[in-house]
N, C-alpha and C. Protein backbone atom coordinates (compact mmCIF):
# COMPACT_ATOMS: atom_id res chain seq x y z
N UNK A 1 92.95 -49.92 120.20
CA UNK A 1 91.89 -48.96 120.22
C UNK A 1 91.09 -49.03 121.51
N UNK A 2 90.94 -50.26 122.06
CA UNK A 2 90.21 -50.42 123.31
C UNK A 2 90.92 -49.70 124.45
N UNK A 3 92.22 -49.61 124.36
CA UNK A 3 93.00 -48.96 125.41
C UNK A 3 92.60 -47.50 125.53
N UNK A 4 92.51 -46.82 124.39
CA UNK A 4 92.18 -45.40 124.43
C UNK A 4 90.75 -45.19 124.90
N UNK A 5 89.87 -46.11 124.58
CA UNK A 5 88.50 -46.03 125.08
C UNK A 5 88.48 -46.16 126.60
N UNK A 6 89.29 -47.09 127.12
CA UNK A 6 89.36 -47.28 128.56
C UNK A 6 89.98 -46.05 129.23
N UNK A 7 91.00 -45.48 128.60
CA UNK A 7 91.63 -44.28 129.15
C UNK A 7 90.61 -43.13 129.16
N UNK A 8 89.83 -42.99 128.10
CA UNK A 8 88.83 -41.93 128.04
C UNK A 8 87.77 -42.11 129.13
N UNK A 9 87.30 -43.33 129.31
CA UNK A 9 86.31 -43.60 130.35
C UNK A 9 86.90 -43.29 131.73
N UNK A 10 88.14 -43.71 131.97
CA UNK A 10 88.79 -43.44 133.26
C UNK A 10 88.94 -41.94 133.48
N UNK A 11 89.28 -41.21 132.43
CA UNK A 11 89.45 -39.76 132.56
C UNK A 11 88.12 -39.09 132.88
N UNK A 12 87.05 -39.53 132.24
CA UNK A 12 85.74 -38.94 132.50
C UNK A 12 85.27 -39.25 133.92
N UNK A 13 85.55 -40.44 134.40
CA UNK A 13 85.18 -40.80 135.76
C UNK A 13 85.95 -39.97 136.77
N UNK A 14 87.20 -39.68 136.48
CA UNK A 14 88.06 -38.97 137.41
C UNK A 14 87.83 -37.46 137.42
N UNK A 15 87.07 -36.94 136.46
CA UNK A 15 86.82 -35.50 136.44
C UNK A 15 86.15 -35.06 137.74
N UNK A 16 86.55 -33.92 138.26
CA UNK A 16 85.91 -33.44 139.50
C UNK A 16 84.43 -33.17 139.25
N UNK A 17 83.64 -33.48 140.25
CA UNK A 17 82.21 -33.22 140.15
C UNK A 17 81.84 -32.09 141.08
N UNK A 18 80.69 -31.51 140.87
CA UNK A 18 80.24 -30.39 141.69
C UNK A 18 79.92 -30.86 143.10
N UNK A 19 80.18 -30.00 144.08
CA UNK A 19 79.82 -30.29 145.46
C UNK A 19 78.39 -29.81 145.67
N UNK A 20 77.50 -30.73 145.95
CA UNK A 20 76.10 -30.37 146.12
C UNK A 20 75.82 -30.00 147.56
N UNK A 21 75.21 -28.87 147.77
CA UNK A 21 74.83 -28.43 149.10
C UNK A 21 73.43 -28.93 149.39
N UNK A 22 73.03 -28.83 150.61
CA UNK A 22 71.70 -29.24 151.05
C UNK A 22 70.66 -28.40 150.32
N UNK A 23 69.62 -29.06 149.78
CA UNK A 23 68.58 -28.37 149.02
C UNK A 23 67.85 -27.30 149.82
N UNK A 24 67.85 -27.39 151.15
CA UNK A 24 67.13 -26.41 151.95
C UNK A 24 67.79 -25.04 151.93
N UNK A 25 69.02 -24.94 151.44
CA UNK A 25 69.71 -23.66 151.40
C UNK A 25 69.44 -22.87 150.13
N UNK A 26 68.73 -23.46 149.19
CA UNK A 26 68.49 -22.80 147.93
C UNK A 26 67.04 -22.32 147.83
N UNK A 27 66.87 -21.23 147.13
CA UNK A 27 65.54 -20.66 146.97
C UNK A 27 64.70 -21.57 146.08
N UNK A 28 63.52 -21.99 146.57
CA UNK A 28 62.67 -22.86 145.74
C UNK A 28 62.06 -22.08 144.59
N UNK A 29 61.82 -22.77 143.49
CA UNK A 29 61.23 -22.13 142.32
C UNK A 29 59.78 -21.74 142.60
N UNK A 30 59.02 -22.64 143.22
CA UNK A 30 57.62 -22.40 143.52
C UNK A 30 57.37 -22.82 144.98
N UNK A 31 57.66 -21.94 145.92
CA UNK A 31 57.54 -22.34 147.33
C UNK A 31 56.08 -22.54 147.74
N UNK A 32 55.87 -23.50 148.64
CA UNK A 32 54.52 -23.73 149.15
C UNK A 32 54.24 -22.85 150.35
N UNK A 33 55.29 -22.29 150.96
CA UNK A 33 55.14 -21.34 152.06
C UNK A 33 56.33 -20.37 152.03
N UNK A 34 56.23 -19.30 152.77
CA UNK A 34 57.30 -18.31 152.79
C UNK A 34 58.58 -18.94 153.33
N UNK A 35 59.72 -18.52 152.79
CA UNK A 35 61.00 -19.09 153.20
C UNK A 35 62.10 -18.03 153.11
N UNK A 36 63.11 -18.23 153.94
CA UNK A 36 64.32 -17.39 153.89
C UNK A 36 65.44 -18.07 153.10
N UNK A 37 65.16 -19.24 152.54
CA UNK A 37 66.17 -19.96 151.76
C UNK A 37 66.72 -19.06 150.67
N UNK A 38 68.02 -19.07 150.51
CA UNK A 38 68.67 -18.20 149.53
C UNK A 38 69.24 -16.94 150.14
N UNK A 39 68.90 -16.67 151.41
CA UNK A 39 69.48 -15.52 152.12
C UNK A 39 70.94 -15.83 152.45
N UNK A 40 71.76 -14.80 152.52
CA UNK A 40 73.17 -15.01 152.84
C UNK A 40 73.64 -14.09 153.95
N UNK A 41 74.54 -14.60 154.78
CA UNK A 41 75.22 -13.80 155.80
C UNK A 41 76.67 -14.25 155.84
N UNK A 42 77.56 -13.29 156.00
CA UNK A 42 78.98 -13.61 156.04
C UNK A 42 79.69 -12.51 156.80
N UNK A 43 80.77 -12.85 157.48
CA UNK A 43 81.56 -11.85 158.19
C UNK A 43 82.85 -11.65 157.41
N UNK A 44 83.10 -10.41 157.03
CA UNK A 44 84.26 -10.08 156.20
C UNK A 44 85.14 -9.05 156.89
N UNK A 45 86.36 -8.97 156.41
CA UNK A 45 87.29 -7.97 156.92
C UNK A 45 87.13 -6.68 156.11
N UNK A 46 87.09 -5.59 156.82
CA UNK A 46 87.14 -4.28 156.18
C UNK A 46 88.30 -3.57 156.86
N UNK A 47 89.45 -3.63 156.22
CA UNK A 47 90.67 -3.19 156.89
C UNK A 47 91.02 -4.22 157.95
N UNK A 48 91.01 -3.81 159.19
CA UNK A 48 91.24 -4.75 160.29
C UNK A 48 89.97 -4.96 161.11
N UNK A 49 88.83 -4.44 160.64
CA UNK A 49 87.56 -4.58 161.34
C UNK A 49 86.71 -5.67 160.71
N UNK A 50 85.93 -6.35 161.54
CA UNK A 50 85.01 -7.36 161.05
C UNK A 50 83.63 -6.75 160.85
N UNK A 51 83.00 -7.08 159.71
CA UNK A 51 81.67 -6.58 159.41
C UNK A 51 80.81 -7.74 158.94
N UNK A 52 79.56 -7.80 159.46
CA UNK A 52 78.59 -8.79 159.01
C UNK A 52 77.90 -8.22 157.78
N UNK A 53 78.04 -8.93 156.66
CA UNK A 53 77.41 -8.53 155.41
C UNK A 53 76.24 -9.48 155.19
N UNK A 54 75.04 -8.94 155.00
CA UNK A 54 73.86 -9.79 154.88
C UNK A 54 73.00 -9.39 153.69
N UNK A 55 72.31 -10.38 153.17
CA UNK A 55 71.34 -10.19 152.10
C UNK A 55 70.20 -11.16 152.39
N UNK A 56 69.15 -10.66 153.00
CA UNK A 56 68.03 -11.48 153.44
C UNK A 56 66.88 -11.30 152.46
N UNK A 57 66.36 -12.40 151.97
CA UNK A 57 65.26 -12.39 151.01
C UNK A 57 64.16 -13.33 151.48
N UNK A 58 62.94 -12.85 151.49
CA UNK A 58 61.80 -13.71 151.79
C UNK A 58 61.17 -14.09 150.46
N UNK A 59 61.19 -15.39 150.16
CA UNK A 59 60.54 -15.89 148.96
C UNK A 59 59.18 -16.43 149.38
N UNK A 60 58.14 -15.98 148.69
CA UNK A 60 56.78 -16.31 149.10
C UNK A 60 56.01 -17.01 147.98
N UNK A 61 54.97 -17.76 148.38
CA UNK A 61 54.11 -18.36 147.35
C UNK A 61 53.41 -17.25 146.57
N UNK A 62 53.09 -17.55 145.35
CA UNK A 62 52.42 -16.57 144.50
C UNK A 62 51.07 -16.17 145.09
N UNK A 63 50.79 -14.88 145.09
CA UNK A 63 49.51 -14.38 145.57
C UNK A 63 49.42 -14.19 147.07
N UNK A 64 50.52 -14.41 147.80
CA UNK A 64 50.46 -14.25 149.26
C UNK A 64 50.72 -12.79 149.64
N UNK A 65 50.34 -12.45 150.86
CA UNK A 65 50.53 -11.09 151.38
C UNK A 65 52.01 -10.89 151.70
N UNK A 66 52.53 -9.72 151.37
CA UNK A 66 53.94 -9.43 151.62
C UNK A 66 54.28 -9.54 153.10
N UNK A 67 55.42 -10.15 153.39
CA UNK A 67 55.88 -10.32 154.77
C UNK A 67 56.57 -9.04 155.21
N UNK A 68 56.28 -8.63 156.44
CA UNK A 68 56.99 -7.48 157.00
C UNK A 68 57.47 -7.90 158.39
N UNK A 69 58.46 -7.20 158.88
CA UNK A 69 59.00 -7.49 160.20
C UNK A 69 60.46 -7.13 160.27
N UNK A 70 61.01 -7.28 161.47
CA UNK A 70 62.43 -7.01 161.68
C UNK A 70 63.23 -8.28 161.52
N UNK A 71 64.41 -8.16 160.91
CA UNK A 71 65.29 -9.30 160.70
C UNK A 71 66.27 -9.38 161.85
N UNK A 72 66.45 -10.61 162.36
CA UNK A 72 67.33 -10.82 163.51
C UNK A 72 68.21 -12.04 163.24
N UNK A 73 69.48 -11.92 163.62
CA UNK A 73 70.43 -13.03 163.54
C UNK A 73 70.88 -13.35 164.95
N UNK A 74 70.72 -14.61 165.37
CA UNK A 74 71.15 -15.04 166.69
C UNK A 74 72.26 -16.06 166.53
N UNK A 75 73.45 -15.76 167.08
CA UNK A 75 74.58 -16.69 167.03
C UNK A 75 74.32 -17.76 168.09
N UNK A 76 74.19 -19.00 167.66
CA UNK A 76 73.78 -20.09 168.53
C UNK A 76 74.74 -20.32 169.69
N UNK A 77 76.04 -20.32 169.43
CA UNK A 77 77.01 -20.68 170.47
C UNK A 77 77.15 -19.62 171.56
N UNK A 78 76.91 -18.35 171.23
CA UNK A 78 77.10 -17.29 172.22
C UNK A 78 75.79 -16.65 172.67
N UNK A 79 74.73 -16.86 171.92
CA UNK A 79 73.46 -16.22 172.24
C UNK A 79 73.41 -14.76 171.81
N UNK A 80 74.44 -14.30 171.13
CA UNK A 80 74.50 -12.91 170.67
C UNK A 80 73.40 -12.67 169.63
N UNK A 81 72.65 -11.59 169.81
CA UNK A 81 71.56 -11.25 168.90
C UNK A 81 71.92 -9.96 168.17
N UNK A 82 71.80 -10.00 166.85
CA UNK A 82 72.06 -8.83 166.01
C UNK A 82 70.78 -8.45 165.29
N UNK A 83 70.32 -7.22 165.46
CA UNK A 83 69.16 -6.72 164.73
C UNK A 83 69.66 -6.17 163.41
N UNK A 84 69.12 -6.70 162.30
CA UNK A 84 69.59 -6.34 160.97
C UNK A 84 68.67 -5.36 160.25
N UNK A 85 67.67 -4.84 160.93
CA UNK A 85 66.79 -3.87 160.30
C UNK A 85 65.49 -4.50 159.86
N UNK A 86 64.67 -3.72 159.19
CA UNK A 86 63.34 -4.16 158.77
C UNK A 86 63.34 -4.55 157.30
N UNK A 87 62.42 -5.46 156.97
CA UNK A 87 62.24 -5.85 155.57
C UNK A 87 61.60 -4.72 154.79
N UNK A 88 62.08 -4.50 153.58
CA UNK A 88 61.47 -3.58 152.64
C UNK A 88 61.21 -4.37 151.37
N UNK A 89 59.96 -4.50 150.99
CA UNK A 89 59.58 -5.31 149.83
C UNK A 89 60.12 -6.74 149.95
N UNK A 90 60.07 -7.29 151.16
CA UNK A 90 60.49 -8.68 151.38
C UNK A 90 61.98 -8.90 151.39
N UNK A 91 62.76 -7.83 151.56
CA UNK A 91 64.22 -7.99 151.54
C UNK A 91 64.88 -7.00 152.49
N UNK A 92 66.05 -7.38 152.94
CA UNK A 92 66.90 -6.49 153.75
C UNK A 92 68.35 -6.84 153.42
N UNK A 93 69.15 -5.84 153.15
CA UNK A 93 70.55 -6.07 152.82
C UNK A 93 71.39 -4.95 153.41
N UNK A 94 72.62 -5.26 153.73
CA UNK A 94 73.51 -4.25 154.27
C UNK A 94 74.65 -4.88 155.05
N UNK A 95 75.22 -4.10 155.94
CA UNK A 95 76.31 -4.60 156.79
C UNK A 95 76.28 -3.88 158.12
N UNK A 96 76.73 -4.60 159.14
CA UNK A 96 76.82 -4.06 160.49
C UNK A 96 78.15 -4.51 161.09
N UNK A 97 78.59 -3.83 162.13
CA UNK A 97 79.82 -4.21 162.81
C UNK A 97 79.60 -5.57 163.49
N UNK A 98 80.55 -6.48 163.34
CA UNK A 98 80.49 -7.79 163.98
C UNK A 98 80.93 -7.62 165.43
N UNK A 99 80.06 -7.94 166.40
CA UNK A 99 80.36 -7.63 167.80
C UNK A 99 81.26 -8.64 168.52
N UNK A 100 81.52 -9.78 167.90
CA UNK A 100 82.31 -10.80 168.58
C UNK A 100 83.76 -10.74 168.13
N UNK A 101 84.67 -10.68 169.08
CA UNK A 101 86.10 -10.69 168.76
C UNK A 101 86.65 -12.09 168.92
N UNK A 102 87.77 -12.34 168.27
CA UNK A 102 88.49 -13.60 168.40
C UNK A 102 87.61 -14.81 168.12
N UNK A 103 86.82 -14.75 167.07
CA UNK A 103 85.96 -15.88 166.73
C UNK A 103 86.11 -16.28 165.27
N UNK A 104 87.34 -16.46 164.77
CA UNK A 104 87.45 -16.91 163.38
C UNK A 104 86.96 -18.35 163.25
N UNK A 105 86.43 -18.67 162.10
CA UNK A 105 85.90 -20.00 161.86
C UNK A 105 84.45 -19.92 161.41
N UNK A 106 83.74 -21.01 161.56
CA UNK A 106 82.34 -21.06 161.14
C UNK A 106 81.45 -21.22 162.36
N UNK A 107 80.46 -20.36 162.45
CA UNK A 107 79.52 -20.38 163.57
C UNK A 107 78.12 -20.66 163.05
N UNK A 108 77.35 -21.42 163.83
CA UNK A 108 75.95 -21.65 163.49
C UNK A 108 75.14 -20.47 164.01
N UNK A 109 74.13 -20.08 163.26
CA UNK A 109 73.28 -18.96 163.65
C UNK A 109 71.86 -19.21 163.15
N UNK A 110 70.93 -18.49 163.74
CA UNK A 110 69.52 -18.55 163.34
C UNK A 110 69.13 -17.21 162.73
N UNK A 111 68.59 -17.24 161.53
CA UNK A 111 68.12 -16.04 160.85
C UNK A 111 66.60 -16.07 160.90
N UNK A 112 65.99 -14.99 161.37
CA UNK A 112 64.54 -14.98 161.51
C UNK A 112 63.95 -13.61 161.20
N UNK A 113 62.66 -13.62 160.84
CA UNK A 113 61.90 -12.40 160.67
C UNK A 113 60.94 -12.36 161.86
N UNK A 114 61.22 -11.45 162.78
CA UNK A 114 60.46 -11.35 164.03
C UNK A 114 59.02 -10.94 163.72
N UNK A 115 58.07 -11.63 164.33
CA UNK A 115 56.67 -11.28 164.17
C UNK A 115 56.05 -11.77 162.88
N UNK A 116 56.65 -12.76 162.24
CA UNK A 116 56.08 -13.30 161.00
C UNK A 116 56.00 -14.82 161.13
N UNK A 117 55.32 -15.43 160.17
CA UNK A 117 55.23 -16.89 160.16
C UNK A 117 56.30 -17.53 159.28
N UNK A 118 57.28 -16.75 158.84
CA UNK A 118 58.36 -17.29 158.03
C UNK A 118 59.24 -18.16 158.93
N UNK A 119 59.46 -19.43 158.55
CA UNK A 119 60.29 -20.30 159.40
C UNK A 119 61.71 -19.76 159.55
N UNK A 120 62.26 -19.95 160.74
CA UNK A 120 63.64 -19.56 161.02
C UNK A 120 64.57 -20.40 160.15
N UNK A 121 65.65 -19.78 159.68
CA UNK A 121 66.62 -20.47 158.84
C UNK A 121 67.93 -20.60 159.60
N UNK A 122 68.45 -21.82 159.70
CA UNK A 122 69.76 -22.04 160.30
C UNK A 122 70.81 -21.78 159.23
N UNK A 123 71.77 -20.93 159.54
CA UNK A 123 72.82 -20.58 158.58
C UNK A 123 74.18 -20.79 159.22
N UNK A 124 75.17 -21.00 158.39
CA UNK A 124 76.55 -21.06 158.84
C UNK A 124 77.19 -19.72 158.50
N UNK A 125 77.75 -19.07 159.51
CA UNK A 125 78.39 -17.78 159.31
C UNK A 125 79.89 -17.99 159.36
N UNK A 126 80.57 -17.73 158.24
CA UNK A 126 82.02 -17.86 158.21
C UNK A 126 82.64 -16.54 158.65
N UNK A 127 83.41 -16.60 159.72
CA UNK A 127 84.05 -15.40 160.25
C UNK A 127 85.50 -15.37 159.78
N UNK A 128 85.83 -14.37 159.00
CA UNK A 128 87.19 -14.22 158.50
C UNK A 128 88.11 -13.78 159.63
N UNK A 129 89.38 -14.08 159.50
CA UNK A 129 90.37 -13.61 160.46
C UNK A 129 91.06 -12.41 159.83
N UNK A 130 90.88 -11.25 160.45
CA UNK A 130 91.46 -10.04 159.90
C UNK A 130 92.93 -9.95 160.28
N UNK A 131 93.76 -9.88 159.27
CA UNK A 131 95.20 -9.75 159.46
C UNK A 131 95.61 -8.47 158.74
N UNK A 132 96.15 -7.50 159.46
CA UNK A 132 96.50 -6.23 158.82
C UNK A 132 97.44 -6.39 157.63
N UNK A 133 98.24 -7.45 157.63
CA UNK A 133 99.18 -7.66 156.52
C UNK A 133 98.46 -8.09 155.25
N UNK A 134 97.26 -8.70 155.39
CA UNK A 134 96.53 -9.18 154.22
C UNK A 134 95.19 -8.48 154.06
N UNK A 135 95.01 -7.35 154.69
CA UNK A 135 93.71 -6.67 154.68
C UNK A 135 93.27 -6.25 153.28
N UNK A 136 94.21 -6.02 152.38
CA UNK A 136 93.85 -5.56 151.05
C UNK A 136 93.73 -6.70 150.04
N UNK A 137 93.96 -7.94 150.48
CA UNK A 137 93.89 -9.08 149.58
C UNK A 137 92.44 -9.53 149.47
N UNK A 138 91.97 -9.70 148.24
CA UNK A 138 90.59 -10.15 148.04
C UNK A 138 90.51 -11.66 148.23
N UNK A 139 89.43 -12.12 148.82
CA UNK A 139 89.21 -13.54 149.03
C UNK A 139 88.28 -14.09 147.96
N UNK A 140 88.45 -15.38 147.64
CA UNK A 140 87.57 -16.04 146.69
C UNK A 140 86.33 -16.54 147.41
N UNK A 141 85.24 -16.63 146.69
CA UNK A 141 83.99 -17.13 147.29
C UNK A 141 84.13 -18.60 147.63
N UNK A 142 83.48 -19.02 148.69
CA UNK A 142 83.47 -20.42 149.11
C UNK A 142 82.36 -21.12 148.37
N UNK A 143 82.65 -22.31 147.83
CA UNK A 143 81.66 -23.03 147.04
C UNK A 143 80.99 -24.16 147.80
N UNK A 144 81.33 -24.36 149.04
CA UNK A 144 80.71 -25.42 149.80
C UNK A 144 81.58 -26.65 149.96
N UNK A 145 82.76 -26.67 149.35
CA UNK A 145 83.66 -27.81 149.45
C UNK A 145 84.82 -27.42 150.35
N UNK A 146 84.89 -28.05 151.53
CA UNK A 146 85.94 -27.72 152.47
C UNK A 146 87.21 -28.55 152.26
N UNK A 147 87.14 -29.57 151.45
CA UNK A 147 88.29 -30.45 151.23
C UNK A 147 89.36 -29.73 150.40
N UNK A 148 90.61 -30.17 150.52
CA UNK A 148 91.69 -29.58 149.71
C UNK A 148 91.54 -30.01 148.25
N UNK A 149 90.95 -29.16 147.44
CA UNK A 149 90.60 -29.48 146.08
C UNK A 149 91.82 -29.88 145.24
N UNK A 150 92.92 -29.17 145.38
CA UNK A 150 94.11 -29.48 144.58
C UNK A 150 94.60 -30.90 144.85
N UNK A 151 94.57 -31.33 146.09
CA UNK A 151 95.00 -32.69 146.43
C UNK A 151 94.07 -33.72 145.82
N UNK A 152 92.79 -33.46 145.84
CA UNK A 152 91.81 -34.40 145.28
C UNK A 152 91.99 -34.51 143.77
N UNK A 153 92.13 -33.37 143.10
CA UNK A 153 92.33 -33.38 141.65
C UNK A 153 93.65 -34.07 141.31
N UNK A 154 94.72 -33.78 142.06
CA UNK A 154 96.01 -34.42 141.82
C UNK A 154 95.93 -35.93 141.97
N UNK A 155 95.25 -36.39 143.01
CA UNK A 155 95.10 -37.83 143.24
C UNK A 155 94.29 -38.48 142.11
N UNK A 156 93.25 -37.78 141.65
CA UNK A 156 92.43 -38.31 140.57
C UNK A 156 93.24 -38.41 139.28
N UNK A 157 94.02 -37.39 138.97
CA UNK A 157 94.86 -37.42 137.77
C UNK A 157 95.92 -38.51 137.87
N UNK A 158 96.50 -38.69 139.04
CA UNK A 158 97.49 -39.76 139.24
C UNK A 158 96.85 -41.12 139.02
N UNK A 159 95.61 -41.29 139.49
CA UNK A 159 94.92 -42.57 139.30
C UNK A 159 94.64 -42.82 137.82
N UNK A 160 94.29 -41.79 137.08
CA UNK A 160 94.04 -41.94 135.64
C UNK A 160 95.33 -42.31 134.92
N UNK A 161 96.42 -41.63 135.22
CA UNK A 161 97.70 -41.92 134.58
C UNK A 161 98.14 -43.34 134.92
N UNK A 162 98.03 -43.73 136.18
CA UNK A 162 98.41 -45.08 136.59
C UNK A 162 97.56 -46.12 135.86
N UNK A 163 96.26 -45.87 135.74
CA UNK A 163 95.39 -46.78 135.01
C UNK A 163 95.78 -46.90 133.55
N UNK A 164 96.12 -45.77 132.94
CA UNK A 164 96.54 -45.79 131.53
C UNK A 164 97.83 -46.58 131.36
N UNK A 165 98.78 -46.40 132.27
CA UNK A 165 100.05 -47.13 132.21
C UNK A 165 99.80 -48.63 132.33
N UNK A 166 98.97 -49.02 133.27
CA UNK A 166 98.65 -50.44 133.45
C UNK A 166 98.03 -51.02 132.19
N UNK A 167 97.10 -50.29 131.58
CA UNK A 167 96.46 -50.76 130.36
C UNK A 167 97.46 -50.91 129.22
N UNK A 168 98.37 -49.97 129.06
CA UNK A 168 99.36 -50.03 128.00
C UNK A 168 100.30 -51.21 128.21
N UNK A 169 100.76 -51.40 129.44
CA UNK A 169 101.67 -52.52 129.75
C UNK A 169 100.98 -53.85 129.48
N UNK A 170 99.73 -53.98 129.89
CA UNK A 170 99.00 -55.24 129.68
C UNK A 170 98.80 -55.48 128.18
N UNK A 171 98.51 -54.43 127.42
CA UNK A 171 98.31 -54.59 125.98
C UNK A 171 99.60 -55.02 125.30
N UNK A 172 100.72 -54.48 125.69
CA UNK A 172 102.02 -54.86 125.10
C UNK A 172 102.36 -56.30 125.43
N UNK A 173 102.08 -56.71 126.65
CA UNK A 173 102.36 -58.10 127.03
C UNK A 173 101.46 -59.07 126.23
N UNK A 174 100.22 -58.66 126.05
CA UNK A 174 99.30 -59.50 125.28
C UNK A 174 99.78 -59.65 123.83
N UNK A 175 100.23 -58.55 123.24
CA UNK A 175 100.74 -58.60 121.87
C UNK A 175 102.00 -59.43 121.80
N UNK A 176 102.85 -59.32 122.80
CA UNK A 176 104.11 -60.10 122.81
C UNK A 176 103.84 -61.59 122.92
N UNK A 177 102.82 -61.99 123.65
CA UNK A 177 102.52 -63.42 123.80
C UNK A 177 101.81 -63.97 122.57
N UNK A 178 101.21 -63.15 121.74
CA UNK A 178 100.54 -63.61 120.50
C UNK A 178 101.56 -63.92 119.42
N UNK A 179 102.71 -63.37 119.45
CA UNK A 179 103.71 -63.55 118.40
C UNK A 179 104.39 -64.85 118.48
């Protein structure tokens, strides 16, 4: 009976856990000052064209004056500045043509509301590689884990099975020596 308890404990330990992102990227429940945390920017393929899709939200402390201003994204590595329009009711969302070619991968950028006291937010912009052969294939959302998940899960399951085998073999040997 102890063997199955050990196997259960090993299986629970080996279960994949959630990948936790930095707390600064999430919208606070009760912010002490205005923040852009929770805003998103991503570059996606539309056919063979790249488009920056953005959803900018200003979260403010209760009772504060609404923030207004123009939203700007500055790509850190190139200095490219994209004007994303003005805030309406503390938000701006939409898409614009991505001006940089041949830049697949992840780029650091600064998201800001010009003329406001809202702190600038550093964001990672994932630039998709548009391939005409796969332009109609939908992509899955990224969860923040860059590691090969299947390999990690496979290794964890192999470790659990190996542990169970070792426990069974040891238990049989123990029973054989008692007789």
